[in-house]
Amino acid sequence: MPTLTRFITIILIVAAAIYAGAFALANFVRPTQVEKRIELPIQDLMERAEQRQLANRPRTPLPERNAEPDAAEQDETQ
């Protein structure tokens, strides 16, 4: 039993140290704020938007073609 007690004690001490480190970082360290500027390539964005619009548009089915011409068409061709 002393080995188990010693193991649990060491685990608790390590967990407390990790918790104390996280607490210290969260409360005592202030992040520096830096203004960041990002250039966006407008032409590339516009091209991508056009490609998406073309890809997402509803597709209209093609009209079906009959393999044999209609009887009226046959009369006209003769």
PDB file of N, CA and C in Angstrom:
ATOM      1  N   MET A   1       0.803  -1.202   0.000  1.00  0.00           N
ATOM      2  CA  MET A   1       0.000   0.000   0.000  1.00  0.00           C
ATOM      3  C   MET A   1       0.846   1.266   0.000  1.00  0.00           C
ATOM      4  N   PRO A   2       1.985   1.308   0.662  1.00  0.00           N
ATOM      5  CA  PRO A   2       2.774   2.549   0.635  1.00  0.00           C
ATOM      6  C   PRO A   2       3.202   2.924  -0.784  1.00  0.00           C
ATOM      7  N   THR A   3       3.428   1.926  -1.646  1.00  0.00           N
ATOM      8  CA  THR A   3       3.832   2.233  -3.015  1.00  0.00           C
ATOM      9  C   THR A   3       2.688   2.915  -3.762  1.00  0.00           C
ATOM     10  N   LEU A   4       1.470   2.418  -3.568  1.00  0.00           N
ATOM     11  CA  LEU A   4       0.306   3.024  -4.208  1.00  0.00           C
ATOM     12  C   LEU A   4       0.088   4.449  -3.699  1.00  0.00           C
ATOM     13  N   THR A   5       0.232   4.645  -2.402  1.00  0.00           N
ATOM     14  CA  THR A   5       0.068   5.980  -1.812  1.00  0.00           C
ATOM     15  C   THR A   5       1.128   6.934  -2.339  1.00  0.00           C
ATOM     16  N   ARG A   6       2.362   6.460  -2.448  1.00  0.00           N
ATOM     17  CA  ARG A   6       3.443   7.298  -2.963  1.00  0.00           C
ATOM     18  C   ARG A   6       3.169   7.653  -4.438  1.00  0.00           C
ATOM     19  N   PHE A   7       2.702   6.684  -5.235  1.00  0.00           N
ATOM     20  CA  PHE A   7       2.390   6.919  -6.642  1.00  0.00           C
ATOM     21  C   PHE A   7       1.278   7.955  -6.792  1.00  0.00           C
ATOM     22  N   ILE A   8       0.212   7.812  -6.043  1.00  0.00           N
ATOM     23  CA  ILE A   8      -0.907   8.761  -6.112  1.00  0.00           C
ATOM     24  C   ILE A   8      -0.453  10.144  -5.670  1.00  0.00           C
ATOM     25  N   THR A   9       0.388  10.219  -4.649  1.00  0.00           N
ATOM     26  CA  THR A   9       0.901  11.514  -4.176  1.00  0.00           C
ATOM     27  C   THR A   9       1.728  12.192  -5.261  1.00  0.00           C
ATOM     28  N   ILE A  10       2.593  11.433  -5.921  1.00  0.00           N
ATOM     29  CA  ILE A  10       3.419  12.016  -6.980  1.00  0.00           C
ATOM     30  C   ILE A  10       2.544  12.492  -8.143  1.00  0.00           C
ATOM     31  N   ILE A  11       1.543  11.700  -8.506  1.00  0.00           N
ATOM     32  CA  ILE A  11       0.633  12.095  -9.587  1.00  0.00           C
ATOM     33  C   ILE A  11      -0.115  13.370  -9.216  1.00  0.00           C
ATOM     34  N   LEU A  12      -0.570  13.487  -7.989  1.00  0.00           N
ATOM     35  CA  LEU A  12      -1.272  14.697  -7.547  1.00  0.00           C
ATOM     36  C   LEU A  12      -0.355  15.910  -7.571  1.00  0.00           C
ATOM     37  N   ILE A  13       0.898  15.742  -7.169  1.00  0.00           N
ATOM     38  CA  ILE A  13       1.848  16.864  -7.173  1.00  0.00           C
ATOM     39  C   ILE A  13       2.117  17.325  -8.611  1.00  0.00           C
ATOM     40  N   VAL A  14       2.287  16.372  -9.528  1.00  0.00           N
ATOM     41  CA  VAL A  14       2.522  16.733 -10.931  1.00  0.00           C
ATOM     42  C   VAL A  14       1.286  17.429 -11.514  1.00  0.00           C
ATOM     43  N   ALA A  15       0.105  16.919 -11.214  1.00  0.00           N
ATOM     44  CA  ALA A  15      -1.128  17.544 -11.709  1.00  0.00           C
ATOM     45  C   ALA A  15      -1.291  18.950 -11.142  1.00  0.00           C
ATOM     46  N   ALA A  16      -0.961  19.139  -9.864  1.00  0.00           N
ATOM     47  CA  ALA A  16      -1.053  20.466  -9.251  1.00  0.00           C
ATOM     48  C   ALA A  16      -0.059  21.428  -9.894  1.00  0.00           C
ATOM     49  N   ALA A  17       1.147  20.957 -10.224  1.00  0.00           N
ATOM     50  CA  ALA A  17       2.144  21.813 -10.872  1.00  0.00           C
ATOM     51  C   ALA A  17       1.667  22.229 -12.266  1.00  0.00           C
ATOM     52  N   ILE A  18       1.091  21.299 -13.003  1.00  0.00           N
ATOM     53  CA  ILE A  18       0.572  21.625 -14.334  1.00  0.00           C
ATOM     54  C   ILE A  18      -0.582  22.625 -14.220  1.00  0.00           C
ATOM     55  N   TYR A  19      -1.470  22.409 -13.269  1.00  0.00           N
ATOM     56  CA  TYR A  19      -2.595  23.328 -13.063  1.00  0.00           C
ATOM     57  C   TYR A  19      -2.088  24.714 -12.663  1.00  0.00           C
ATOM     58  N   ALA A  20      -1.084  24.771 -11.773  1.00  0.00           N
ATOM     59  CA  ALA A  20      -0.536  26.065 -11.348  1.00  0.00           C
ATOM     60  C   ALA A  20       0.122  26.783 -12.522  1.00  0.00           C
ATOM     61  N   GLY A  21       0.813  26.049 -13.386  1.00  0.00           N
ATOM     62  CA  GLY A  21       1.424  26.670 -14.563  1.00  0.00           C
ATOM     63  C   GLY A  21       0.380  27.229 -15.512  1.00  0.00           C
ATOM     64  N   ALA A  22      -0.683  26.472 -15.734  1.00  0.00           N
ATOM     65  CA  ALA A  22      -1.753  26.955 -16.610  1.00  0.00           C
ATOM     66  C   ALA A  22      -2.442  28.170 -15.998  1.00  0.00           C
ATOM     67  N   PHE A  23      -2.674  28.142 -14.706  1.00  0.00           N
ATOM     68  CA  PHE A  23      -3.299  29.273 -14.022  1.00  0.00           C
ATOM     69  C   PHE A  23      -2.424  30.521 -14.123  1.00  0.00           C
ATOM     70  N   ALA A  24      -1.107  30.345 -13.915  1.00  0.00           N
ATOM     71  CA  ALA A  24      -0.184  31.481 -13.990  1.00  0.00           C
ATOM     72  C   ALA A  24      -0.159  32.064 -15.407  1.00  0.00           C
ATOM     73  N   LEU A  25      -0.114  31.199 -16.417  1.00  0.00           N
ATOM     74  CA  LEU A  25      -0.107  31.701 -17.792  1.00  0.00           C
ATOM     75  C   LEU A  25      -1.400  32.429 -18.132  1.00  0.00           C
ATOM     76  N   ALA A  26      -2.511  31.925 -17.642  1.00  0.00           N
ATOM     77  CA  ALA A  26      -3.799  32.534 -17.964  1.00  0.00           C
ATOM     78  C   ALA A  26      -3.999  33.876 -17.276  1.00  0.00           C
ATOM     79  N   ASN A  27      -3.455  34.041 -16.073  1.00  0.00           N
ATOM     80  CA  ASN A  27      -3.742  35.252 -15.305  1.00  0.00           C
ATOM     81  C   ASN A  27      -2.634  36.297 -15.292  1.00  0.00           C
ATOM     82  N   PHE A  28      -1.400  35.896 -15.512  1.00  0.00           N
ATOM     83  CA  PHE A  28      -0.304  36.848 -15.357  1.00  0.00           C
ATOM     84  C   PHE A  28       0.409  37.213 -16.651  1.00  0.00           C
ATOM     85  N   VAL A  29       0.157  36.518 -17.708  1.00  0.00           N
ATOM     86  CA  VAL A  29       0.817  36.817 -18.979  1.00  0.00           C
ATOM     87  C   VAL A  29      -0.204  37.483 -19.895  1.00  0.00           C
ATOM     88  N   ARG A  30       0.113  38.667 -20.365  1.00  0.00           N
ATOM     89  CA  ARG A  30      -0.768  39.402 -21.269  1.00  0.00           C
ATOM     90  C   ARG A  30      -0.254  39.249 -22.694  1.00  0.00           C
ATOM     91  N   PRO A  31      -1.106  38.842 -23.623  1.00  0.00           N
ATOM     92  CA  PRO A  31      -0.654  38.711 -25.012  1.00  0.00           C
ATOM     93  C   PRO A  31      -0.447  40.087 -25.634  1.00  0.00           C
ATOM     94  N   THR A  32       0.520  40.173 -26.513  1.00  0.00           N
ATOM     95  CA  THR A  32       0.745  41.437 -27.218  1.00  0.00           C
ATOM     96  C   THR A  32      -0.175  41.467 -28.434  1.00  0.00           C
ATOM     97  N   GLN A  33      -0.795  42.618 -28.632  1.00  0.00           N
ATOM     98  CA  GLN A  33      -1.703  42.776 -29.762  1.00  0.00           C
ATOM     99  C   GLN A  33      -0.943  43.434 -30.904  1.00  0.00           C
ATOM    100  N   VAL A  34      -1.001  42.791 -32.056  1.00  0.00           N
ATOM    101  CA  VAL A  34      -0.312  43.298 -33.233  1.00  0.00           C
ATOM    102  C   VAL A  34      -1.334  43.425 -34.350  1.00  0.00           C
ATOM    103  N   GLU A  35      -1.327  44.579 -35.012  1.00  0.00           N
ATOM    104  CA  GLU A  35      -2.230  44.765 -36.134  1.00  0.00           C
ATOM    105  C   GLU A  35      -1.636  44.065 -37.347  1.00  0.00           C
ATOM    106  N   LYS A  36      -2.474  43.299 -38.013  1.00  0.00           N
ATOM    107  CA  LYS A  36      -2.005  42.516 -39.144  1.00  0.00           C
ATOM    108  C   LYS A  36      -2.777  42.922 -40.389  1.00  0.00           C
ATOM    109  N   ARG A  37      -2.072  43.040 -41.490  1.00  0.00           N
ATOM    110  CA  ARG A  37      -2.709  43.420 -42.745  1.00  0.00           C
ATOM    111  C   ARG A  37      -2.472  42.301 -43.749  1.00  0.00           C
ATOM    112  N   ILE A  38      -3.557  41.845 -44.349  1.00  0.00           N
ATOM    113  CA  ILE A  38      -3.467  40.749 -45.304  1.00  0.00           C
ATOM    114  C   ILE A  38      -3.977  41.257 -46.655  1.00  0.00           C
ATOM    115  N   GLU A  39      -3.145  41.126 -47.667  1.00  0.00           N
ATOM    116  CA  GLU A  39      -3.526  41.519 -49.014  1.00  0.00           C
ATOM    117  C   GLU A  39      -4.278  40.361 -49.665  1.00  0.00           C
ATOM    118  N   LEU A  40      -5.462  40.635 -50.171  1.00  0.00           N
ATOM    119  CA  LEU A  40      -6.250  39.616 -50.847  1.00  0.00           C
ATOM    120  C   LEU A  40      -6.200  39.849 -52.353  1.00  0.00           C
ATOM    121  N   PRO A  41      -5.891  38.814 -53.113  1.00  0.00           N
ATOM    122  CA  PRO A  41      -5.877  38.968 -54.573  1.00  0.00           C
ATOM    123  C   PRO A  41      -7.317  38.961 -55.105  1.00  0.00           C
ATOM    124  N   ILE A  42      -7.856  40.136 -55.343  1.00  0.00           N
ATOM    125  CA  ILE A  42      -9.262  40.287 -55.716  1.00  0.00           C
ATOM    126  C   ILE A  42      -9.563  39.550 -57.017  1.00  0.00           C
ATOM    127  N   GLN A  43      -8.655  39.626 -57.987  1.00  0.00           N
ATOM    128  CA  GLN A  43      -8.907  38.984 -59.273  1.00  0.00           C
ATOM    129  C   GLN A  43      -9.047  37.470 -59.113  1.00  0.00           C
ATOM    130  N   ASP A  44      -8.191  36.862 -58.306  1.00  0.00           N
ATOM    131  CA  ASP A  44      -8.284  35.416 -58.066  1.00  0.00           C
ATOM    132  C   ASP A  44      -9.585  35.063 -57.353  1.00  0.00           C
ATOM    133  N   LEU A  45      -9.987  35.885 -56.400  1.00  0.00           N
ATOM    134  CA  LEU A  45     -11.233  35.624 -55.688  1.00  0.00           C
ATOM    135  C   LEU A  45     -12.439  35.717 -56.614  1.00  0.00           C
ATOM    136  N   MET A  46     -12.418  36.686 -57.514  1.00  0.00           N
ATOM    137  CA  MET A  46     -13.521  36.833 -58.464  1.00  0.00           C
ATOM    138  C   MET A  46     -13.589  35.630 -59.411  1.00  0.00           C
ATOM    139  N   GLU A  47     -12.424  35.154 -59.867  1.00  0.00           N
ATOM    140  CA  GLU A  47     -12.405  33.992 -60.758  1.00  0.00           C
ATOM    141  C   GLU A  47     -12.939  32.753 -60.037  1.00  0.00           C
ATOM    142  N   ARG A  48     -12.542  32.570 -58.794  1.00  0.00           N
ATOM    143  CA  ARG A  48     -13.028  31.422 -58.024  1.00  0.00           C
ATOM    144  C   ARG A  48     -14.537  31.509 -57.808  1.00  0.00           C
ATOM    145  N   ALA A  49     -15.044  32.712 -57.555  1.00  0.00           N
ATOM    146  CA  ALA A  49     -16.487  32.878 -57.357  1.00  0.00           C
ATOM    147  C   ALA A  49     -17.239  32.544 -58.643  1.00  0.00           C
ATOM    148  N   GLU A  50     -16.708  32.961 -59.778  1.00  0.00           N
ATOM    149  CA  GLU A  50     -17.358  32.638 -61.047  1.00  0.00           C
ATOM    150  C   GLU A  50     -17.352  31.128 -61.291  1.00  0.00           C
ATOM    151  N   GLN A  51     -16.249  30.476 -60.972  1.00  0.00           N
ATOM    152  CA  GLN A  51     -16.172  29.029 -61.151  1.00  0.00           C
ATOM    153  C   GLN A  51     -17.184  28.318 -60.255  1.00  0.00           C
ATOM    154  N   ARG A  52     -17.349  28.804 -59.038  1.00  0.00           N
ATOM    155  CA  ARG A  52     -18.332  28.196 -58.132  1.00  0.00           C
ATOM    156  C   ARG A  52     -19.753  28.392 -58.644  1.00  0.00           C
ATOM    157  N   GLN A  53     -20.026  29.576 -59.174  1.00  0.00           N
ATOM    158  CA  GLN A  53     -21.366  29.832 -59.705  1.00  0.00           C
ATOM    159  C   GLN A  53     -21.655  28.918 -60.890  1.00  0.00           C
ATOM    160  N   LEU A  54     -20.664  28.722 -61.744  1.00  0.00           N
ATOM    161  CA  LEU A  54     -20.864  27.838 -62.880  1.00  0.00           C
ATOM    162  C   LEU A  54     -21.044  26.394 -62.432  1.00  0.00           C
ATOM    163  N   ALA A  55     -20.317  25.993 -61.409  1.00  0.00           N
ATOM    164  CA  ALA A  55     -20.412  24.616 -60.925  1.00  0.00           C
ATOM    165  C   ALA A  55     -21.729  24.367 -60.193  1.00  0.00           C
ATOM    166  N   ASN A  56     -22.291  25.383 -59.563  1.00  0.00           N
ATOM    167  CA  ASN A  56     -23.499  25.209 -58.760  1.00  0.00           C
ATOM    168  C   ASN A  56     -24.795  25.496 -59.496  1.00  0.00           C
ATOM    169  N   ARG A  57     -24.696  25.956 -60.730  1.00  0.00           N
ATOM    170  CA  ARG A  57     -25.939  26.280 -61.443  1.00  0.00           C
ATOM    171  C   ARG A  57     -26.692  24.993 -61.768  1.00  0.00           C
ATOM    172  N   PRO A  58     -28.018  25.063 -61.809  1.00  0.00           N
ATOM    173  CA  PRO A  58     -28.788  23.857 -62.133  1.00  0.00           C
ATOM    174  C   PRO A  58     -28.589  23.497 -63.602  1.00  0.00           C
ATOM    175  N   ARG A  59     -28.433  22.233 -63.833  1.00  0.00           N
ATOM    176  CA  ARG A  59     -28.213  21.778 -65.200  1.00  0.00           C
ATOM    177  C   ARG A  59     -29.542  21.420 -65.838  1.00  0.00           C
ATOM    178  N   THR A  60     -29.747  21.926 -67.036  1.00  0.00           N
ATOM    179  CA  THR A  60     -30.986  21.626 -67.749  1.00  0.00           C
ATOM    180  C   THR A  60     -30.761  20.367 -68.574  1.00  0.00           C
ATOM    181  N   PRO A  61     -31.705  19.457 -68.552  1.00  0.00           N
ATOM    182  CA  PRO A  61     -31.529  18.230 -69.339  1.00  0.00           C
ATOM    183  C   PRO A  61     -31.652  18.534 -70.826  1.00  0.00           C
ATOM    184  N   LEU A  62     -30.885  17.801 -71.604  1.00  0.00           N
ATOM    185  CA  LEU A  62     -30.950  17.977 -73.049  1.00  0.00           C
ATOM    186  C   LEU A  62     -32.224  17.342 -73.572  1.00  0.00           C
ATOM    187  N   PRO A  63     -32.798  17.904 -74.634  1.00  0.00           N
ATOM    188  CA  PRO A  63     -34.013  17.288 -75.193  1.00  0.00           C
ATOM    189  C   PRO A  63     -33.661  15.923 -75.798  1.00  0.00           C
ATOM    190  N   GLU A  64     -34.580  15.006 -75.666  1.00  0.00           N
ATOM    191  CA  GLU A  64     -34.341  13.662 -76.177  1.00  0.00           C
ATOM    192  C   GLU A  64     -34.476  13.661 -77.694  1.00  0.00           C
ATOM    193  N   ARG A  65     -33.602  12.905 -78.329  1.00  0.00           N
ATOM    194  CA  ARG A  65     -33.660  12.774 -79.785  1.00  0.00           C
ATOM    195  C   ARG A  65     -34.144  11.376 -80.120  1.00  0.00           C
ATOM    196  N   ASN A  66     -35.060  11.312 -81.028  1.00  0.00           N
ATOM    197  CA  ASN A  66     -35.549  10.012 -81.476  1.00  0.00           C
ATOM    198  C   ASN A  66     -34.568   9.439 -82.488  1.00  0.00           C
ATOM    199  N   ALA A  67     -34.369   8.146 -82.439  1.00  0.00           N
ATOM    200  CA  ALA A  67     -33.481   7.499 -83.389  1.00  0.00           C
ATOM    201  C   ALA A  67     -34.104   7.482 -84.783  1.00  0.00           C
ATOM    202  N   GLU A  68     -35.418   7.345 -84.855  1.00  0.00           N
ATOM    203  CA  GLU A  68     -36.117   7.323 -86.145  1.00  0.00           C
ATOM    204  C   GLU A  68     -36.829   8.654 -86.345  1.00  0.00           C
ATOM    205  N   PRO A  69     -36.780   9.207 -87.547  1.00  0.00           N
ATOM    206  CA  PRO A  69     -37.519  10.459 -87.787  1.00  0.00           C
ATOM    207  C   PRO A  69     -39.014  10.198 -87.779  1.00  0.00           C
ATOM    208  N   ASP A  70     -39.761  11.245 -87.473  1.00  0.00           N
ATOM    209  CA  ASP A  70     -41.222  11.142 -87.456  1.00  0.00           C
ATOM    210  C   ASP A  70     -41.741  10.842 -88.853  1.00  0.00           C
ATOM    211  N   ALA A  71     -42.967  10.368 -88.918  1.00  0.00           N
ATOM    212  CA  ALA A  71     -43.588  10.066 -90.203  1.00  0.00           C
ATOM    213  C   ALA A  71     -43.745  11.335 -91.036  1.00  0.00           C
ATOM    214  N   ALA A  72     -44.041  12.453 -90.397  1.00  0.00           N
ATOM    215  CA  ALA A  72     -44.197  13.722 -91.130  1.00  0.00           C
ATOM    216  C   ALA A  72     -42.871  14.148 -91.735  1.00  0.00           C
ATOM    217  N   GLU A  73     -41.808  13.938 -91.049  1.00  0.00           N
ATOM    218  CA  GLU A  73     -40.502  14.302 -91.579  1.00  0.00           C
ATOM    219  C   GLU A  73     -40.127  13.407 -92.735  1.00  0.00           C
ATOM    220  N   GLN A  74     -40.502  12.135 -92.693  1.00  0.00           N
ATOM    221  CA  GLN A  74     -40.184  11.216 -93.789  1.00  0.00           C
ATOM    222  C   GLN A  74     -40.905  11.619 -95.061  1.00  0.00           C
ATOM    223  N   ASP A  75     -42.153  12.062 -94.941  1.00  0.00           N
ATOM    224  CA  ASP A  75     -42.922  12.481 -96.109  1.00  0.00           C
ATOM    225  C   ASP A  75     -42.301  13.717 -96.759  1.00  0.00           C
ATOM    226  N   GLU A  76     -41.804  14.627 -95.958  1.00  0.00           N
ATOM    227  CA  GLU A  76     -41.224  15.847 -96.489  1.00  0.00           C
ATOM    228  C   GLU A  76     -39.921  15.580 -97.203  1.00  0.00           C
ATOM    229  N   THR A  77     -39.165  14.604 -96.741  1.00  0.00           N
ATOM    230  CA  THR A  77     -37.876  14.345 -97.357  1.00  0.00           C
ATOM    231  C   THR A  77     -38.008  13.570 -98.659  1.00  0.00           C
ATOM    232  N   GLN A  78     -39.114  12.906 -98.893  1.00  0.00           N
ATOM    233  CA  GLN A  78     -39.259  12.099-100.124  1.00  0.00           C
ATOM    234  C   GLN A  78     -39.728  12.911-101.248  1.00  0.00           C
TER     235      GLN A  78
END
